[in-house]
Amino acid sequence: MAQLVTKGSGSEAVRLSSQTVTATLEGGLATVHIHQVFRYEGSGSVEAVYTFPLPEDASMTGLT
Protein backbone atom coordinates (compact mmCIF):
# COMPACT_ATOMS: atom_id res chain seq x y z
CA MET A 1 0.00 0.00 0.00
CA ALA A 2 1.22 3.50 -0.77
CA GLN A 3 2.05 5.58 2.23
CA LEU A 4 3.88 8.58 3.58
CA VAL A 5 6.51 7.66 6.12
CA THR A 6 7.47 10.50 8.45
CA LYS A 7 11.04 11.02 9.56
CA GLY A 8 12.25 11.81 13.04
CA SER A 9 11.12 10.78 16.47
CA GLY A 10 7.81 12.02 17.77
CA SER A 11 6.44 12.83 14.31
CA GLU A 12 2.69 12.80 14.07
CA ALA A 13 1.14 10.52 11.47
CA VAL A 14 0.33 11.68 7.97
CA ARG A 15 -2.83 9.77 7.14
CA LEU A 16 -4.41 8.85 3.82
CA SER A 17 -7.79 10.60 3.96
CA SER A 18 -9.12 9.67 0.51
CA GLN A 19 -8.19 7.67 -2.57
CA THR A 20 -9.70 7.31 -6.04
CA VAL A 21 -8.51 4.67 -8.52
CA THR A 22 -9.48 4.48 -12.19
CA ALA A 23 -8.18 1.87 -14.61
CA THR A 24 -8.48 1.17 -18.34
CA LEU A 25 -7.35 -1.90 -20.22
CA GLU A 26 -6.35 -1.57 -23.86
CA GLY A 27 -4.37 -4.03 -25.94
CA GLY A 28 -3.15 -5.97 -22.92
CA LEU A 29 -1.89 -2.81 -21.20
CA ALA A 30 -3.51 -1.50 -18.04
CA THR A 31 -3.38 2.22 -17.36
CA VAL A 32 -4.13 3.07 -13.76
CA HIS A 33 -4.60 6.54 -12.29
CA ILE A 34 -4.52 6.93 -8.52
CA HIS A 35 -5.49 10.16 -6.76
CA GLN A 36 -4.58 10.26 -3.08
CA VAL A 37 -5.12 12.92 -0.45
CA PHE A 38 -3.03 12.80 2.71
CA ARG A 39 -3.84 14.71 5.87
CA TYR A 40 -1.46 16.00 8.49
CA GLU A 41 -2.98 17.50 11.61
CA GLY A 42 0.24 18.44 13.34
CA SER A 43 1.13 22.02 14.16
CA GLY A 44 4.58 22.20 12.58
CA SER A 45 6.20 21.11 9.37
CA VAL A 46 6.98 17.45 8.77
CA GLU A 47 9.35 15.60 6.45
CA ALA A 48 7.96 12.46 4.83
CA VAL A 49 8.91 9.91 2.18
CA TYR A 50 6.25 8.65 -0.26
CA THR A 51 6.50 4.91 -0.85
CA PHE A 52 4.62 3.07 -3.59
CA PRO A 53 5.45 -0.62 -3.95
CA LEU A 54 5.20 -2.10 -7.46
CA PRO A 55 5.70 -5.62 -8.81
CA GLU A 56 9.13 -6.19 -10.39
CA ASP A 57 7.69 -6.24 -13.93
CA ALA A 58 5.60 -3.07 -13.51
CA SER A 59 6.57 0.43 -14.58
CA MET A 60 5.55 3.89 -13.48
CA THR A 61 5.44 6.60 -16.13
CA GLY A 62 4.49 9.64 -14.09
CA LEU A 63 4.01 11.15 -10.67
CA THR A 64 2.34 14.53 -10.24
PDB file of N, CA and C in Angstrom:
ATOM      1  N   MET A   1       0.835  -1.166   0.000  1.00  0.00           N
ATOM      2  CA  MET A   1       0.000   0.000   0.000  1.00  0.00           C
ATOM      3  C   MET A   1       0.889   1.242   0.000  1.00  0.00           C
ATOM      4  N   ALA A   2       0.492   2.240  -0.761  1.00  0.00           N
ATOM      5  CA  ALA A   2       1.223   3.499  -0.774  1.00  0.00           C
ATOM      6  C   ALA A   2       1.074   4.182   0.568  1.00  0.00           C
ATOM      7  N   GLN A   3       2.117   4.880   0.964  1.00  0.00           N
ATOM      8  CA  GLN A   3       2.046   5.578   2.235  1.00  0.00           C
ATOM      9  C   GLN A   3       3.089   6.681   2.308  1.00  0.00           C
ATOM     10  N   LEU A   4       2.883   7.581   3.248  1.00  0.00           N
ATOM     11  CA  LEU A   4       3.880   8.583   3.578  1.00  0.00           C
ATOM     12  C   LEU A   4       4.503   8.164   4.894  1.00  0.00           C
ATOM     13  N   VAL A   5       5.797   8.050   4.918  1.00  0.00           N
ATOM     14  CA  VAL A   5       6.515   7.660   6.123  1.00  0.00           C
ATOM     15  C   VAL A   5       7.218   8.900   6.651  1.00  0.00           C
ATOM     16  N   THR A   6       6.865   9.311   7.871  1.00  0.00           N
ATOM     17  CA  THR A   6       7.467  10.502   8.447  1.00  0.00           C
ATOM     18  C   THR A   6       8.828  10.182   9.024  1.00  0.00           C
ATOM     19  N   LYS A   7       9.681  11.188   9.039  1.00  0.00           N
ATOM     20  CA  LYS A   7      11.036  11.023   9.558  1.00  0.00           C
ATOM     21  C   LYS A   7      11.151  11.725  10.904  1.00  0.00           C
ATOM     22  N   GLY A   8      11.990  11.189  11.755  1.00  0.00           N
ATOM     23  CA  GLY A   8      12.248  11.815  13.043  1.00  0.00           C
ATOM     24  C   GLY A   8      11.380  11.236  14.140  1.00  0.00           C
ATOM     25  N   SER A   9      11.873  11.322  15.340  1.00  0.00           N
ATOM     26  CA  SER A   9      11.120  10.783  16.467  1.00  0.00           C
ATOM     27  C   SER A   9      10.012  11.751  16.859  1.00  0.00           C
ATOM     28  N   GLY A  10       8.915  11.197  17.312  1.00  0.00           N
ATOM     29  CA  GLY A  10       7.805  12.016  17.770  1.00  0.00           C
ATOM     30  C   GLY A  10       6.984  12.633  16.658  1.00  0.00           C
ATOM     31  N   SER A  11       7.218  12.277  15.418  1.00  0.00           N
ATOM     32  CA  SER A  11       6.444  12.828  14.306  1.00  0.00           C
ATOM     33  C   SER A  11       5.020  12.307  14.362  1.00  0.00           C
ATOM     34  N   GLU A  12       4.087  13.216  14.129  1.00  0.00           N
ATOM     35  CA  GLU A  12       2.690  12.800  14.066  1.00  0.00           C
ATOM     36  C   GLU A  12       2.422  12.145  12.716  1.00  0.00           C
ATOM     37  N   ALA A  13       1.433  11.281  12.685  1.00  0.00           N
ATOM     38  CA  ALA A  13       1.137  10.525  11.473  1.00  0.00           C
ATOM     39  C   ALA A  13       0.567  11.420  10.373  1.00  0.00           C
ATOM     40  N   VAL A  14       0.938  11.093   9.152  1.00  0.00           N
ATOM     41  CA  VAL A  14       0.330  11.681   7.966  1.00  0.00           C
ATOM     42  C   VAL A  14      -0.578  10.585   7.420  1.00  0.00           C
ATOM     43  N   ARG A  15      -1.873  10.820   7.468  1.00  0.00           N
ATOM     44  CA  ARG A  15      -2.834   9.765   7.144  1.00  0.00           C
ATOM     45  C   ARG A  15      -3.447   9.964   5.758  1.00  0.00           C
ATOM     46  N   LEU A  16      -3.689   8.843   5.093  1.00  0.00           N
ATOM     47  CA  LEU A  16      -4.405   8.850   3.819  1.00  0.00           C
ATOM     48  C   LEU A  16      -5.875   9.123   4.127  1.00  0.00           C
ATOM     49  N   SER A  17      -6.402  10.251   3.646  1.00  0.00           N
ATOM     50  CA  SER A  17      -7.786  10.597   3.959  1.00  0.00           C
ATOM     51  C   SER A  17      -8.753  10.227   2.841  1.00  0.00           C
ATOM     52  N   SER A  18      -8.264  10.135   1.602  1.00  0.00           N
ATOM     53  CA  SER A  18      -9.125   9.670   0.514  1.00  0.00           C
ATOM     54  C   SER A  18      -8.272   9.141  -0.631  1.00  0.00           C
ATOM     55  N   GLN A  19      -8.892   8.275  -1.434  1.00  0.00           N
ATOM     56  CA  GLN A  19      -8.190   7.673  -2.568  1.00  0.00           C
ATOM     57  C   GLN A  19      -9.203   7.325  -3.648  1.00  0.00           C
ATOM     58  N   THR A  20      -8.879   7.666  -4.891  1.00  0.00           N
ATOM     59  CA  THR A  20      -9.701   7.311  -6.043  1.00  0.00           C
ATOM     60  C   THR A  20      -8.808   6.589  -7.042  1.00  0.00           C
ATOM     61  N   VAL A  21      -9.271   5.451  -7.552  1.00  0.00           N
ATOM     62  CA  VAL A  21      -8.507   4.670  -8.517  1.00  0.00           C
ATOM     63  C   VAL A  21      -9.372   4.458  -9.759  1.00  0.00           C
ATOM     64  N   THR A  22      -8.810   4.784 -10.925  1.00  0.00           N
ATOM     65  CA  THR A  22      -9.478   4.479 -12.194  1.00  0.00           C
ATOM     66  C   THR A  22      -8.507   3.675 -13.050  1.00  0.00           C
ATOM     67  N   ALA A  23      -9.037   2.723 -13.789  1.00  0.00           N
ATOM     68  CA  ALA A  23      -8.180   1.867 -14.615  1.00  0.00           C
ATOM     69  C   ALA A  23      -8.845   1.620 -15.962  1.00  0.00           C
ATOM     70  N   THR A  24      -8.012   1.546 -17.009  1.00  0.00           N
ATOM     71  CA  THR A  24      -8.483   1.168 -18.336  1.00  0.00           C
ATOM     72  C   THR A  24      -7.555   0.081 -18.865  1.00  0.00           C
ATOM     73  N   LEU A  25      -8.117  -0.811 -19.621  1.00  0.00           N
ATOM     74  CA  LEU A  25      -7.351  -1.904 -20.217  1.00  0.00           C
ATOM     75  C   LEU A  25      -7.484  -1.802 -21.727  1.00  0.00           C
ATOM     76  N   GLU A  26      -6.344  -1.697 -22.411  1.00  0.00           N
ATOM     77  CA  GLU A  26      -6.352  -1.567 -23.861  1.00  0.00           C
ATOM     78  C   GLU A  26      -5.160  -2.312 -24.438  1.00  0.00           C
ATOM     79  N   GLY A  27      -5.435  -3.281 -25.285  1.00  0.00           N
ATOM     80  CA  GLY A  27      -4.366  -4.028 -25.943  1.00  0.00           C
ATOM     81  C   GLY A  27      -3.439  -4.748 -24.974  1.00  0.00           C
ATOM     82  N   GLY A  28      -3.965  -5.243 -23.891  1.00  0.00           N
ATOM     83  CA  GLY A  28      -3.154  -5.966 -22.921  1.00  0.00           C
ATOM     84  C   GLY A  28      -2.361  -5.077 -21.979  1.00  0.00           C
ATOM     85  N   LEU A  29      -2.589  -3.759 -22.061  1.00  0.00           N
ATOM     86  CA  LEU A  29      -1.887  -2.813 -21.196  1.00  0.00           C
ATOM     87  C   LEU A  29      -2.890  -2.127 -20.279  1.00  0.00           C
ATOM     88  N   ALA A  30      -2.649  -2.176 -18.996  1.00  0.00           N
ATOM     89  CA  ALA A  30      -3.511  -1.497 -18.038  1.00  0.00           C
ATOM     90  C   ALA A  30      -2.920  -0.129 -17.715  1.00  0.00           C
ATOM     91  N   THR A  31      -3.760   0.884 -17.785  1.00  0.00           N
ATOM     92  CA  THR A  31      -3.378   2.225 -17.364  1.00  0.00           C
ATOM     93  C   THR A  31      -4.183   2.549 -16.118  1.00  0.00           C
ATOM     94  N   VAL A  32      -3.486   2.843 -15.048  1.00  0.00           N
ATOM     95  CA  VAL A  32      -4.133   3.068 -13.756  1.00  0.00           C
ATOM     96  C   VAL A  32      -3.777   4.465 -13.266  1.00  0.00           C
ATOM     97  N   HIS A  33      -4.792   5.211 -12.875  1.00  0.00           N
ATOM     98  CA  HIS A  33      -4.596   6.535 -12.290  1.00  0.00           C
ATOM     99  C   HIS A  33      -5.059   6.472 -10.840  1.00  0.00           C
ATOM    100  N   ILE A  34      -4.207   6.945  -9.946  1.00  0.00           N
ATOM    101  CA  ILE A  34      -4.523   6.935  -8.519  1.00  0.00           C
ATOM    102  C   ILE A  34      -4.418   8.362  -8.002  1.00  0.00           C
ATOM    103  N   HIS A  35      -5.481   8.834  -7.387  1.00  0.00           N
ATOM    104  CA  HIS A  35      -5.487  10.163  -6.763  1.00  0.00           C
ATOM    105  C   HIS A  35      -5.589   9.943  -5.258  1.00  0.00           C
ATOM    106  N   GLN A  36      -4.604  10.439  -4.526  1.00  0.00           N
ATOM    107  CA  GLN A  36      -4.579  10.258  -3.079  1.00  0.00           C
ATOM    108  C   GLN A  36      -4.484  11.604  -2.383  1.00  0.00           C
ATOM    109  N   VAL A  37      -5.195  11.724  -1.278  1.00  0.00           N
ATOM    110  CA  VAL A  37      -5.124  12.921  -0.451  1.00  0.00           C
ATOM    111  C   VAL A  37      -4.667  12.491   0.930  1.00  0.00           C
ATOM    112  N   PHE A  38      -3.564  13.089   1.378  1.00  0.00           N
ATOM    113  CA  PHE A  38      -3.030  12.799   2.708  1.00  0.00           C
ATOM    114  C   PHE A  38      -3.326  13.976   3.617  1.00  0.00           C
ATOM    115  N   ARG A  39      -3.504  13.680   4.892  1.00  0.00           N
ATOM    116  CA  ARG A  39      -3.838  14.712   5.869  1.00  0.00           C
ATOM    117  C   ARG A  39      -2.854  14.682   7.026  1.00  0.00           C
ATOM    118  N   TYR A  40      -2.357  15.850   7.353  1.00  0.00           N
ATOM    119  CA  TYR A  40      -1.461  16.001   8.491  1.00  0.00           C
ATOM    120  C   TYR A  40      -2.083  17.013   9.439  1.00  0.00           C
ATOM    121  N   GLU A  41      -2.322  16.616  10.651  1.00  0.00           N
ATOM    122  CA  GLU A  41      -2.983  17.497  11.607  1.00  0.00           C
ATOM    123  C   GLU A  41      -2.026  18.029  12.660  1.00  0.00           C
ATOM    124  N   GLY A  42      -0.743  17.901  12.411  1.00  0.00           N
ATOM    125  CA  GLY A  42       0.243  18.443  13.340  1.00  0.00           C
ATOM    126  C   GLY A  42       0.325  19.954  13.228  1.00  0.00           C
ATOM    127  N   SER A  43       1.053  20.563  14.134  1.00  0.00           N
ATOM    128  CA  SER A  43       1.131  22.017  14.160  1.00  0.00           C
ATOM    129  C   SER A  43       2.367  22.561  13.435  1.00  0.00           C
ATOM    130  N   GLY A  44       3.369  21.742  13.244  1.00  0.00           N
ATOM    131  CA  GLY A  44       4.584  22.204  12.581  1.00  0.00           C
ATOM    132  C   GLY A  44       4.772  21.526  11.244  1.00  0.00           C
ATOM    133  N   SER A  45       5.904  21.780  10.640  1.00  0.00           N
ATOM    134  CA  SER A  45       6.201  21.112   9.370  1.00  0.00           C
ATOM    135  C   SER A  45       6.692  19.688   9.642  1.00  0.00           C
ATOM    136  N   VAL A  46       6.585  18.846   8.635  1.00  0.00           N
ATOM    137  CA  VAL A  46       6.981  17.447   8.766  1.00  0.00           C
ATOM    138  C   VAL A  46       7.683  17.012   7.486  1.00  0.00           C
ATOM    139  N   GLU A  47       8.683  16.172   7.612  1.00  0.00           N
ATOM    140  CA  GLU A  47       9.353  15.596   6.454  1.00  0.00           C
ATOM    141  C   GLU A  47       8.845  14.179   6.295  1.00  0.00           C
ATOM    142  N   ALA A  48       8.500  13.793   5.069  1.00  0.00           N
ATOM    143  CA  ALA A  48       7.957  12.461   4.826  1.00  0.00           C
ATOM    144  C   ALA A  48       8.489  11.910   3.515  1.00  0.00           C
ATOM    145  N   VAL A  49       8.507  10.606   3.393  1.00  0.00           N
ATOM    146  CA  VAL A  49       8.910   9.909   2.176  1.00  0.00           C
ATOM    147  C   VAL A  49       7.698   9.151   1.655  1.00  0.00           C
ATOM    148  N   TYR A  50       7.375   9.353   0.367  1.00  0.00           N
ATOM    149  CA  TYR A  50       6.253   8.651  -0.259  1.00  0.00           C
ATOM    150  C   TYR A  50       6.752   7.318  -0.788  1.00  0.00           C
ATOM    151  N   THR A  51       6.126   6.230  -0.355  1.00  0.00           N
ATOM    152  CA  THR A  51       6.498   4.905  -0.851  1.00  0.00           C
ATOM    153  C   THR A  51       5.326   4.321  -1.627  1.00  0.00           C
ATOM    154  N   PHE A  52       5.649   3.668  -2.731  1.00  0.00           N
ATOM    155  CA  PHE A  52       4.623   3.072  -3.588  1.00  0.00           C
ATOM    156  C   PHE A  52       5.173   1.764  -4.151  1.00  0.00           C
ATOM    157  N   PRO A  53       4.894   0.650  -3.486  1.00  0.00           N
ATOM    158  CA  PRO A  53       5.446  -0.624  -3.947  1.00  0.00           C
ATOM    159  C   PRO A  53       4.818  -1.075  -5.272  1.00  0.00           C
ATOM    160  N   LEU A  54       5.650  -1.570  -6.168  1.00  0.00           N
ATOM    161  CA  LEU A  54       5.203  -2.098  -7.458  1.00  0.00           C
ATOM    162  C   LEU A  54       5.794  -3.486  -7.675  1.00  0.00           C
ATOM    163  N   PRO A  55       5.102  -4.341  -8.441  1.00  0.00           N
ATOM    164  CA  PRO A  55       5.702  -5.620  -8.815  1.00  0.00           C
ATOM    165  C   PRO A  55       6.967  -5.376  -9.650  1.00  0.00           C
ATOM    166  N   GLU A  56       7.862  -6.338  -9.672  1.00  0.00           N
ATOM    167  CA  GLU A  56       9.134  -6.191 -10.394  1.00  0.00           C
ATOM    168  C   GLU A  56       8.950  -5.907 -11.875  1.00  0.00           C
ATOM    169  N   ASP A  57       7.889  -6.423 -12.488  1.00  0.00           N
ATOM    170  CA  ASP A  57       7.690  -6.241 -13.929  1.00  0.00           C
ATOM    171  C   ASP A  57       6.766  -5.064 -14.264  1.00  0.00           C
ATOM    172  N   ALA A  58       6.447  -4.235 -13.282  1.00  0.00           N
ATOM    173  CA  ALA A  58       5.597  -3.066 -13.515  1.00  0.00           C
ATOM    174  C   ALA A  58       6.460  -1.836 -13.773  1.00  0.00           C
ATOM    175  N   SER A  59       5.856  -0.825 -14.378  1.00  0.00           N
ATOM    176  CA  SER A  59       6.571   0.425 -14.581  1.00  0.00           C
ATOM    177  C   SER A  59       5.650   1.594 -14.239  1.00  0.00           C
ATOM    178  N   MET A  60       6.271   2.668 -13.793  1.00  0.00           N
ATOM    179  CA  MET A  60       5.548   3.894 -13.481  1.00  0.00           C
ATOM    180  C   MET A  60       6.013   4.945 -14.482  1.00  0.00           C
ATOM    181  N   THR A  61       5.062   5.638 -15.112  1.00  0.00           N
ATOM    182  CA  THR A  61       5.438   6.604 -16.135  1.00  0.00           C
ATOM    183  C   THR A  61       5.226   8.049 -15.696  1.00  0.00           C
ATOM    184  N   GLY A  62       4.674   8.261 -14.527  1.00  0.00           N
ATOM    185  CA  GLY A  62       4.491   9.640 -14.086  1.00  0.00           C
ATOM    186  C   GLY A  62       4.065   9.720 -12.641  1.00  0.00           C
ATOM    187  N   LEU A  63       4.394  10.869 -12.046  1.00  0.00           N
ATOM    188  CA  LEU A  63       4.008  11.146 -10.668  1.00  0.00           C
ATOM    189  C   LEU A  63       3.830  12.650 -10.584  1.00  0.00           C
ATOM    190  N   THR A  64       2.607  13.085 -10.322  1.00  0.00           N
ATOM    191  CA  THR A  64       2.341  14.530 -10.236  1.00  0.00           C
ATOM    192  C   THR A  64       1.651  14.865  -8.948  1.00  0.00           C
TER     193      THR A  64
END
